Amino acid sequence: MAKRTRWLLALGALAAVLVSAGLFDLLGMSARQVRYEWELARLKREQARLLAQRERLKNDPTYVEGLIRTTFKRSKRGELVIPLNRDR
């Protein structure tokens, strides 16, 4: 084989390796971009939920009272509380 032909084959093989590595990286970046877009959409939904909850906490005293009662197991003075435990 001529020296020039071997040189061209080696150069072609090197170019194929570099291009295939670049394609592999491009596919990996595309997959990461899709994952990041899904995560961004999830975070935006979570942000919307938290903003709505913040508005309820600021503007809905009945919601706040119910939250306090259920979270801290509190009742108003004179109320009769009947626990509804399914364990008993």
PDB file of N, CA and C in Angstrom:
ATOM      1  N   MET A   1       0.840  -1.164   0.000  1.00  0.00           N
ATOM      2  CA  MET A   1       0.000   0.000   0.000  1.00  0.00           C
ATOM      3  C   MET A   1       0.892   1.236   0.000  1.00  0.00           C
ATOM      4  N   ALA A   2       0.465   2.190  -0.688  1.00  0.00           N
ATOM      5  CA  ALA A   2       1.270   3.404  -0.796  1.00  0.00           C
ATOM      6  C   ALA A   2       1.222   4.179   0.521  1.00  0.00           C
ATOM      7  N   LYS A   3       2.283   4.897   0.727  1.00  0.00           N
ATOM      8  CA  LYS A   3       2.389   5.680   1.953  1.00  0.00           C
ATOM      9  C   LYS A   3       1.232   6.682   2.048  1.00  0.00           C
ATOM     10  N   ARG A   4       0.858   7.271   0.928  1.00  0.00           N
ATOM     11  CA  ARG A   4      -0.229   8.249   0.910  1.00  0.00           C
ATOM     12  C   ARG A   4      -1.571   7.592   1.274  1.00  0.00           C
ATOM     13  N   THR A   5      -1.813   6.386   0.793  1.00  0.00           N
ATOM     14  CA  THR A   5      -3.063   5.680   1.075  1.00  0.00           C
ATOM     15  C   THR A   5      -3.150   5.348   2.561  1.00  0.00           C
ATOM     16  N   ARG A   6      -2.057   4.872   3.145  1.00  0.00           N
ATOM     17  CA  ARG A   6      -2.053   4.577   4.581  1.00  0.00           C
ATOM     18  C   ARG A   6      -2.297   5.845   5.393  1.00  0.00           C
ATOM     19  N   TRP A   7      -1.698   6.929   4.970  1.00  0.00           N
ATOM     20  CA  TRP A   7      -1.877   8.199   5.653  1.00  0.00           C
ATOM     21  C   TRP A   7      -3.355   8.635   5.594  1.00  0.00           C
ATOM     22  N   LEU A   8      -3.982   8.519   4.442  1.00  0.00           N
ATOM     23  CA  LEU A   8      -5.388   8.887   4.283  1.00  0.00           C
ATOM     24  C   LEU A   8      -6.303   7.975   5.107  1.00  0.00           C
ATOM     25  N   LEU A   9      -5.983   6.657   5.135  1.00  0.00           N
ATOM     26  CA  LEU A   9      -6.772   5.737   5.947  1.00  0.00           C
ATOM     27  C   LEU A   9      -6.660   6.078   7.440  1.00  0.00           C
ATOM     28  N   ALA A  10      -5.466   6.378   7.902  1.00  0.00           N
ATOM     29  CA  ALA A  10      -5.264   6.739   9.304  1.00  0.00           C
ATOM     30  C   ALA A  10      -5.995   8.037   9.627  1.00  0.00           C
ATOM     31  N   LEU A  11      -5.921   8.994   8.725  1.00  0.00           N
ATOM     32  CA  LEU A  11      -6.613  10.259   8.930  1.00  0.00           C
ATOM     33  C   LEU A  11      -8.132  10.051   8.933  1.00  0.00           C
ATOM     34  N   GLY A  12      -8.621   9.198   8.043  1.00  0.00           N
ATOM     35  CA  GLY A  12     -10.056   8.887   8.007  1.00  0.00           C
ATOM     36  C   GLY A  12     -10.513   8.180   9.280  1.00  0.00           C
ATOM     37  N   ALA A  13      -9.686   7.251   9.776  1.00  0.00           N
ATOM     38  CA  ALA A  13     -10.033   6.549  11.014  1.00  0.00           C
ATOM     39  C   ALA A  13     -10.064   7.522  12.190  1.00  0.00           C
ATOM     40  N   LEU A  14      -9.107   8.418  12.250  1.00  0.00           N
ATOM     41  CA  LEU A  14      -9.075   9.419  13.311  1.00  0.00           C
ATOM     42  C   LEU A  14     -10.306  10.323  13.235  1.00  0.00           C
ATOM     43  N   ALA A  15     -10.646  10.741  12.034  1.00  0.00           N
ATOM     44  CA  ALA A  15     -11.832  11.597  11.856  1.00  0.00           C
ATOM     45  C   ALA A  15     -13.095  10.847  12.280  1.00  0.00           C
ATOM     46  N   ALA A  16     -13.192   9.558  11.958  1.00  0.00           N
ATOM     47  CA  ALA A  16     -14.366   8.771  12.343  1.00  0.00           C
ATOM     48  C   ALA A  16     -14.469   8.662  13.865  1.00  0.00           C
ATOM     49  N   VAL A  17     -13.343   8.464  14.524  1.00  0.00           N
ATOM     50  CA  VAL A  17     -13.347   8.373  15.986  1.00  0.00           C
ATOM     51  C   VAL A  17     -13.783   9.699  16.598  1.00  0.00           C
ATOM     52  N   LEU A  18     -13.236  10.783  16.089  1.00  0.00           N
ATOM     53  CA  LEU A  18     -13.585  12.096  16.638  1.00  0.00           C
ATOM     54  C   LEU A  18     -15.054  12.431  16.391  1.00  0.00           C
ATOM     55  N   VAL A  19     -15.561  12.126  15.196  1.00  0.00           N
ATOM     56  CA  VAL A  19     -16.957  12.414  14.875  1.00  0.00           C
ATOM     57  C   VAL A  19     -17.880  11.542  15.711  1.00  0.00           C
ATOM     58  N   SER A  20     -17.552  10.244  15.867  1.00  0.00           N
ATOM     59  CA  SER A  20     -18.418   9.367  16.653  1.00  0.00           C
ATOM     60  C   SER A  20     -18.427   9.791  18.121  1.00  0.00           C
ATOM     61  N   ALA A  21     -17.290  10.223  18.643  1.00  0.00           N
ATOM     62  CA  ALA A  21     -17.239  10.706  20.023  1.00  0.00           C
ATOM     63  C   ALA A  21     -18.083  11.970  20.160  1.00  0.00           C
ATOM     64  N   GLY A  22     -18.009  12.835  19.161  1.00  0.00           N
ATOM     65  CA  GLY A  22     -18.816  14.049  19.175  1.00  0.00           C
ATOM     66  C   GLY A  22     -20.302  13.735  19.111  1.00  0.00           C
ATOM     67  N   LEU A  23     -20.671  12.750  18.307  1.00  0.00           N
ATOM     68  CA  LEU A  23     -22.073  12.348  18.224  1.00  0.00           C
ATOM     69  C   LEU A  23     -22.540  11.752  19.541  1.00  0.00           C
ATOM     70  N   PHE A  24     -21.681  10.946  20.167  1.00  0.00           N
ATOM     71  CA  PHE A  24     -22.021  10.360  21.463  1.00  0.00           C
ATOM     72  C   PHE A  24     -22.244  11.457  22.498  1.00  0.00           C
ATOM     73  N   ASP A  25     -21.368  12.461  22.507  1.00  0.00           N
ATOM     74  CA  ASP A  25     -21.530  13.586  23.431  1.00  0.00           C
ATOM     75  C   ASP A  25     -22.815  14.355  23.143  1.00  0.00           C
ATOM     76  N   LEU A  26     -23.121  14.550  21.873  1.00  0.00           N
ATOM     77  CA  LEU A  26     -24.326  15.273  21.487  1.00  0.00           C
ATOM     78  C   LEU A  26     -25.575  14.528  21.948  1.00  0.00           C
ATOM     79  N   LEU A  27     -25.582  13.210  21.798  1.00  0.00           N
ATOM     80  CA  LEU A  27     -26.726  12.421  22.261  1.00  0.00           C
ATOM     81  C   LEU A  27     -26.854  12.496  23.781  1.00  0.00           C
ATOM     82  N   GLY A  28     -25.732  12.457  24.473  1.00  0.00           N
ATOM     83  CA  GLY A  28     -25.754  12.579  25.928  1.00  0.00           C
ATOM     84  C   GLY A  28     -26.280  13.929  26.376  1.00  0.00           C
ATOM     85  N   MET A  29     -25.868  14.979  25.678  1.00  0.00           N
ATOM     86  CA  MET A  29     -26.356  16.317  26.025  1.00  0.00           C
ATOM     87  C   MET A  29     -27.846  16.438  25.750  1.00  0.00           C
ATOM     88  N   SER A  30     -28.319  15.833  24.678  1.00  0.00           N
ATOM     89  CA  SER A  30     -29.749  15.876  24.371  1.00  0.00           C
ATOM     90  C   SER A  30     -30.551  15.178  25.460  1.00  0.00           C
ATOM     91  N   ALA A  31     -30.066  14.037  25.924  1.00  0.00           N
ATOM     92  CA  ALA A  31     -30.762  13.306  26.991  1.00  0.00           C
ATOM     93  C   ALA A  31     -30.776  14.133  28.276  1.00  0.00           C
ATOM     94  N   ARG A  32     -29.661  14.775  28.595  1.00  0.00           N
ATOM     95  CA  ARG A  32     -29.613  15.624  29.791  1.00  0.00           C
ATOM     96  C   ARG A  32     -30.565  16.806  29.660  1.00  0.00           C
ATOM     97  N   GLN A  33     -30.651  17.380  28.468  1.00  0.00           N
ATOM     98  CA  GLN A  33     -31.539  18.515  28.256  1.00  0.00           C
ATOM     99  C   GLN A  33     -32.990  18.105  28.505  1.00  0.00           C
ATOM    100  N   VAL A  34     -33.367  16.926  28.036  1.00  0.00           N
ATOM    101  CA  VAL A  34     -34.736  16.446  28.262  1.00  0.00           C
ATOM    102  C   VAL A  34     -34.985  16.269  29.753  1.00  0.00           C
ATOM    103  N   ARG A  35     -34.027  15.663  30.456  1.00  0.00           N
ATOM    104  CA  ARG A  35     -34.180  15.493  31.906  1.00  0.00           C
ATOM    105  C   ARG A  35     -34.291  16.840  32.615  1.00  0.00           C
ATOM    106  N   TYR A  36     -33.476  17.812  32.226  1.00  0.00           N
ATOM    107  CA  TYR A  36     -33.526  19.135  32.850  1.00  0.00           C
ATOM    108  C   TYR A  36     -34.851  19.833  32.560  1.00  0.00           C
ATOM    109  N   GLU A  37     -35.392  19.645  31.353  1.00  0.00           N
ATOM    110  CA  GLU A  37     -36.680  20.256  31.026  1.00  0.00           C
ATOM    111  C   GLU A  37     -37.798  19.641  31.865  1.00  0.00           C
ATOM    112  N   TRP A  38     -37.752  18.322  32.074  1.00  0.00           N
ATOM    113  CA  TRP A  38     -38.741  17.672  32.941  1.00  0.00           C
ATOM    114  C   TRP A  38     -38.618  18.175  34.372  1.00  0.00           C
ATOM    115  N   GLU A  39     -37.401  18.295  34.853  1.00  0.00           N
ATOM    116  CA  GLU A  39     -37.176  18.775  36.217  1.00  0.00           C
ATOM    117  C   GLU A  39     -37.638  20.223  36.360  1.00  0.00           C
ATOM    118  N   LEU A  40     -37.378  21.046  35.353  1.00  0.00           N
ATOM    119  CA  LEU A  40     -37.828  22.429  35.383  1.00  0.00           C
ATOM    120  C   LEU A  40     -39.350  22.505  35.425  1.00  0.00           C
ATOM    121  N   ALA A  41     -40.026  21.681  34.633  1.00  0.00           N
ATOM    122  CA  ALA A  41     -41.491  21.663  34.645  1.00  0.00           C
ATOM    123  C   ALA A  41     -42.007  21.236  36.022  1.00  0.00           C
ATOM    124  N   ARG A  42     -41.370  20.236  36.636  1.00  0.00           N
ATOM    125  CA  ARG A  42     -41.777  19.787  37.970  1.00  0.00           C
ATOM    126  C   ARG A  42     -41.586  20.899  38.994  1.00  0.00           C
ATOM    127  N   LEU A  43     -40.463  21.595  38.910  1.00  0.00           N
ATOM    128  CA  LEU A  43     -40.193  22.680  39.857  1.00  0.00           C
ATOM    129  C   LEU A  43     -41.167  23.839  39.669  1.00  0.00           C
ATOM    130  N   LYS A  44     -41.555  24.114  38.425  1.00  0.00           N
ATOM    131  CA  LYS A  44     -42.535  25.181  38.187  1.00  0.00           C
ATOM    132  C   LYS A  44     -43.897  24.808  38.770  1.00  0.00           C
ATOM    133  N   ARG A  45     -44.284  23.530  38.650  1.00  0.00           N
ATOM    134  CA  ARG A  45     -45.547  23.090  39.262  1.00  0.00           C
ATOM    135  C   ARG A  45     -45.471  23.212  40.782  1.00  0.00           C
ATOM    136  N   GLU A  46     -44.339  22.839  41.355  1.00  0.00           N
ATOM    137  CA  GLU A  46     -44.153  22.945  42.801  1.00  0.00           C
ATOM    138  C   GLU A  46     -44.189  24.408  43.237  1.00  0.00           C
ATOM    139  N   GLN A  47     -43.579  25.277  42.471  1.00  0.00           N
ATOM    140  CA  GLN A  47     -43.589  26.699  42.788  1.00  0.00           C
ATOM    141  C   GLN A  47     -45.021  27.237  42.753  1.00  0.00           C
ATOM    142  N   ALA A  48     -45.792  26.854  41.744  1.00  0.00           N
ATOM    143  CA  ALA A  48     -47.184  27.313  41.653  1.00  0.00           C
ATOM    144  C   ALA A  48     -47.993  26.818  42.853  1.00  0.00           C
ATOM    145  N   ARG A  49     -47.766  25.565  43.265  1.00  0.00           N
ATOM    146  CA  ARG A  49     -48.473  25.015  44.422  1.00  0.00           C
ATOM    147  C   ARG A  49     -48.111  25.786  45.685  1.00  0.00           C
ATOM    148  N   LEU A  50     -46.826  26.075  45.857  1.00  0.00           N
ATOM    149  CA  LEU A  50     -46.384  26.802  47.052  1.00  0.00           C
ATOM    150  C   LEU A  50     -46.887  28.243  47.057  1.00  0.00           C
ATOM    151  N   LEU A  51     -46.926  28.884  45.905  1.00  0.00           N
ATOM    152  CA  LEU A  51     -47.454  30.246  45.836  1.00  0.00           C
ATOM    153  C   LEU A  51     -48.942  30.269  46.191  1.00  0.00           C
ATOM    154  N   ALA A  52     -49.676  29.272  45.708  1.00  0.00           N
ATOM    155  CA  ALA A  52     -51.108  29.188  46.041  1.00  0.00           C
ATOM    156  C   ALA A  52     -51.293  28.956  47.534  1.00  0.00           C
ATOM    157  N   GLN A  53     -50.458  28.098  48.105  1.00  0.00           N
ATOM    158  CA  GLN A  53     -50.553  27.849  49.547  1.00  0.00           C
ATOM    159  C   GLN A  53     -50.197  29.105  50.336  1.00  0.00           C
ATOM    160  N   ARG A  54     -49.203  29.843  49.882  1.00  0.00           N
ATOM    161  CA  ARG A  54     -48.836  31.088  50.563  1.00  0.00           C
ATOM    162  C   ARG A  54     -50.004  32.075  50.552  1.00  0.00           C
ATOM    163  N   GLU A  55     -50.679  32.177  49.420  1.00  0.00           N
ATOM    164  CA  GLU A  55     -51.829  33.079  49.339  1.00  0.00           C
ATOM    165  C   GLU A  55     -52.938  32.649  50.297  1.00  0.00           C
ATOM    166  N   ARG A  56     -53.176  31.332  50.376  1.00  0.00           N
ATOM    167  CA  ARG A  56     -54.190  30.845  51.324  1.00  0.00           C
ATOM    168  C   ARG A  56     -53.788  31.154  52.759  1.00  0.00           C
ATOM    169  N   LEU A  57     -52.521  30.986  53.065  1.00  0.00           N
ATOM    170  CA  LEU A  57     -52.058  31.271  54.432  1.00  0.00           C
ATOM    171  C   LEU A  57     -52.194  32.757  54.755  1.00  0.00           C
ATOM    172  N   LYS A  58     -52.003  33.622  53.769  1.00  0.00           N
ATOM    173  CA  LYS A  58     -52.105  35.056  53.995  1.00  0.00           C
ATOM    174  C   LYS A  58     -53.558  35.527  54.062  1.00  0.00           C
ATOM    175  N   ASN A  59     -54.451  34.894  53.298  1.00  0.00           N
ATOM    176  CA  ASN A  59     -55.785  35.464  53.101  1.00  0.00           C
ATOM    177  C   ASN A  59     -56.950  34.615  53.578  1.00  0.00           C
ATOM    178  N   ASP A  60     -56.717  33.401  54.060  1.00  0.00           N
ATOM    179  CA  ASP A  60     -57.825  32.515  54.423  1.00  0.00           C
ATOM    180  C   ASP A  60     -57.673  32.069  55.879  1.00  0.00           C
ATOM    181  N   PRO A  61     -58.269  32.806  56.811  1.00  0.00           N
ATOM    182  CA  PRO A  61     -58.106  32.458  58.223  1.00  0.00           C
ATOM    183  C   PRO A  61     -58.705  31.096  58.581  1.00  0.00           C
ATOM    184  N   THR A  62     -59.750  30.689  57.876  1.00  0.00           N
ATOM    185  CA  THR A  62     -60.343  29.375  58.144  1.00  0.00           C
ATOM    186  C   THR A  62     -59.359  28.261  57.795  1.00  0.00           C
ATOM    187  N   TYR A  63     -58.659  28.424  56.698  1.00  0.00           N
ATOM    188  CA  TYR A  63     -57.640  27.450  56.296  1.00  0.00           C
ATOM    189  C   TYR A  63     -56.527  27.380  57.340  1.00  0.00           C
ATOM    190  N   VAL A  64     -56.082  28.544  57.794  1.00  0.00           N
ATOM    191  CA  VAL A  64     -55.007  28.593  58.802  1.00  0.00           C
ATOM    192  C   VAL A  64     -55.472  27.916  60.087  1.00  0.00           C
ATOM    193  N   GLU A  65     -56.694  28.212  60.506  1.00  0.00           N
ATOM    194  CA  GLU A  65     -57.216  27.595  61.730  1.00  0.00           C
ATOM    195  C   GLU A  65     -57.276  26.077  61.598  1.00  0.00           C
ATOM    196  N   GLY A  66     -57.766  25.596  60.458  1.00  0.00           N
ATOM    197  CA  GLY A  66     -57.827  24.147  60.245  1.00  0.00           C
ATOM    198  C   GLY A  66     -56.450  23.515  60.231  1.00  0.00           C
ATOM    199  N   LEU A  67     -55.502  24.208  59.642  1.00  0.00           N
ATOM    200  CA  LEU A  67     -54.128  23.708  59.598  1.00  0.00           C
ATOM    201  C   LEU A  67     -53.544  23.618  61.005  1.00  0.00           C
ATOM    202  N   ILE A  68     -53.774  24.631  61.805  1.00  0.00           N
ATOM    203  CA  ILE A  68     -53.276  24.623  63.185  1.00  0.00           C
ATOM    204  C   ILE A  68     -53.935  23.500  63.977  1.00  0.00           C
ATOM    205  N   ARG A  69     -55.239  23.354  63.813  1.00  0.00           N
ATOM    206  CA  ARG A  69     -55.955  22.317  64.565  1.00  0.00           C
ATOM    207  C   ARG A  69     -55.445  20.916  64.211  1.00  0.00           C
ATOM    208  N   THR A  70     -55.257  20.660  62.924  1.00  0.00           N
ATOM    209  CA  THR A  70     -54.829  19.313  62.527  1.00  0.00           C
ATOM    210  C   THR A  70     -53.347  19.071  62.817  1.00  0.00           C
ATOM    211  N   THR A  71     -52.529  20.086  62.631  1.00  0.00           N
ATOM    212  CA  THR A  71     -51.089  19.908  62.836  1.00  0.00           C
ATOM    213  C   THR A  71     -50.738  19.767  64.312  1.00  0.00           C
ATOM    214  N   PHE A  72     -51.311  20.636  65.135  1.00  0.00           N
ATOM    215  CA  PHE A  72     -50.941  20.674  66.541  1.00  0.00           C
ATOM    216  C   PHE A  72     -51.979  20.041  67.455  1.00  0.00           C
ATOM    217  N   LYS A  73     -53.018  19.451  66.861  1.00  0.00           N
ATOM    218  CA  LYS A  73     -54.070  18.769  67.637  1.00  0.00           C
ATOM    219  C   LYS A  73     -54.647  19.702  68.697  1.00  0.00           C
ATOM    220  N   ARG A  74     -55.028  20.892  68.265  1.00  0.00           N
ATOM    221  CA  ARG A  74     -55.553  21.903  69.178  1.00  0.00           C
ATOM    222  C   ARG A  74     -57.061  22.044  68.988  1.00  0.00           C
ATOM    223  N   SER A  75     -57.726  22.494  70.024  1.00  0.00           N
ATOM    224  CA  SER A  75     -59.164  22.779  69.956  1.00  0.00           C
ATOM    225  C   SER A  75     -59.437  24.089  70.675  1.00  0.00           C
ATOM    226  N   LYS A  76     -60.604  24.636  70.392  1.00  0.00           N
ATOM    227  CA  LYS A  76     -60.995  25.864  71.082  1.00  0.00           C
ATOM    228  C   LYS A  76     -61.484  25.521  72.486  1.00  0.00           C
ATOM    229  N   ARG A  77     -61.427  26.487  73.364  1.00  0.00           N
ATOM    230  CA  ARG A  77     -61.894  26.300  74.729  1.00  0.00           C
ATOM    231  C   ARG A  77     -63.383  25.941  74.702  1.00  0.00           C
ATOM    232  N   GLY A  78     -63.738  24.881  75.419  1.00  0.00           N
ATOM    233  CA  GLY A  78     -65.132  24.462  75.514  1.00  0.00           C
ATOM    234  C   GLY A  78     -65.557  23.485  74.419  1.00  0.00           C
ATOM    235  N   GLU A  79     -64.698  23.216  73.428  1.00  0.00           N
ATOM    236  CA  GLU A  79     -65.066  22.268  72.369  1.00  0.00           C
ATOM    237  C   GLU A  79     -64.871  20.841  72.855  1.00  0.00           C
ATOM    238  N   LEU A  80     -65.726  19.986  72.401  1.00  0.00           N
ATOM    239  CA  LEU A  80     -65.601  18.567  72.695  1.00  0.00           C
ATOM    240  C   LEU A  80     -64.939  17.902  71.496  1.00  0.00           C
ATOM    241  N   VAL A  81     -63.803  17.276  71.717  1.00  0.00           N
ATOM    242  CA  VAL A  81     -63.054  16.635  70.635  1.00  0.00           C
ATOM    243  C   VAL A  81     -63.220  15.134  70.766  1.00  0.00           C
ATOM    244  N   ILE A  82     -63.677  14.529  69.691  1.00  0.00           N
ATOM    245  CA  ILE A  82     -63.837  13.077  69.678  1.00  0.00           C
ATOM    246  C   ILE A  82     -62.803  12.518  68.689  1.00  0.00           C
ATOM    247  N   PRO A  83     -61.760  11.861  69.191  1.00  0.00           N
ATOM    248  CA  PRO A  83     -60.749  11.309  68.284  1.00  0.00           C
ATOM    249  C   PRO A  83     -61.318  10.150  67.470  1.00  0.00           C
ATOM    250  N   LEU A  84     -60.992  10.124  66.222  1.00  0.00           N
ATOM    251  CA  LEU A  84     -61.479   9.087  65.323  1.00  0.00           C
ATOM    252  C   LEU A  84     -60.341   8.174  64.924  1.00  0.00           C
ATOM    253  N   ASN A  85     -59.745   7.503  65.893  1.00  0.00           N
ATOM    254  CA  ASN A  85     -58.645   6.574  65.613  1.00  0.00           C
ATOM    255  C   ASN A  85     -59.217   5.249  65.147  1.00  0.00           C
ATOM    256  N   ARG A  86     -58.703   4.722  64.094  1.00  0.00           N
ATOM    257  CA  ARG A  86     -59.163   3.426  63.573  1.00  0.00           C
ATOM    258  C   ARG A  86     -58.466   2.269  64.284  1.00  0.00           C
ATOM    259  N   ASP A  87     -57.450   2.583  65.087  1.00  0.00           N
ATOM    260  CA  ASP A  87     -56.694   1.547  65.778  1.00  0.00           C
ATOM    261  C   ASP A  87     -57.515   0.907  66.891  1.00  0.00           C
ATOM    262  N   ARG A  88     -58.472   1.580  67.429  1.00  0.00           N
ATOM    263  CA  ARG A  88     -59.222   1.071  68.593  1.00  0.00           C
ATOM    264  C   ARG A  88     -60.563   0.559  68.196  1.00  0.00           C
TER     265      ARG A  88
END
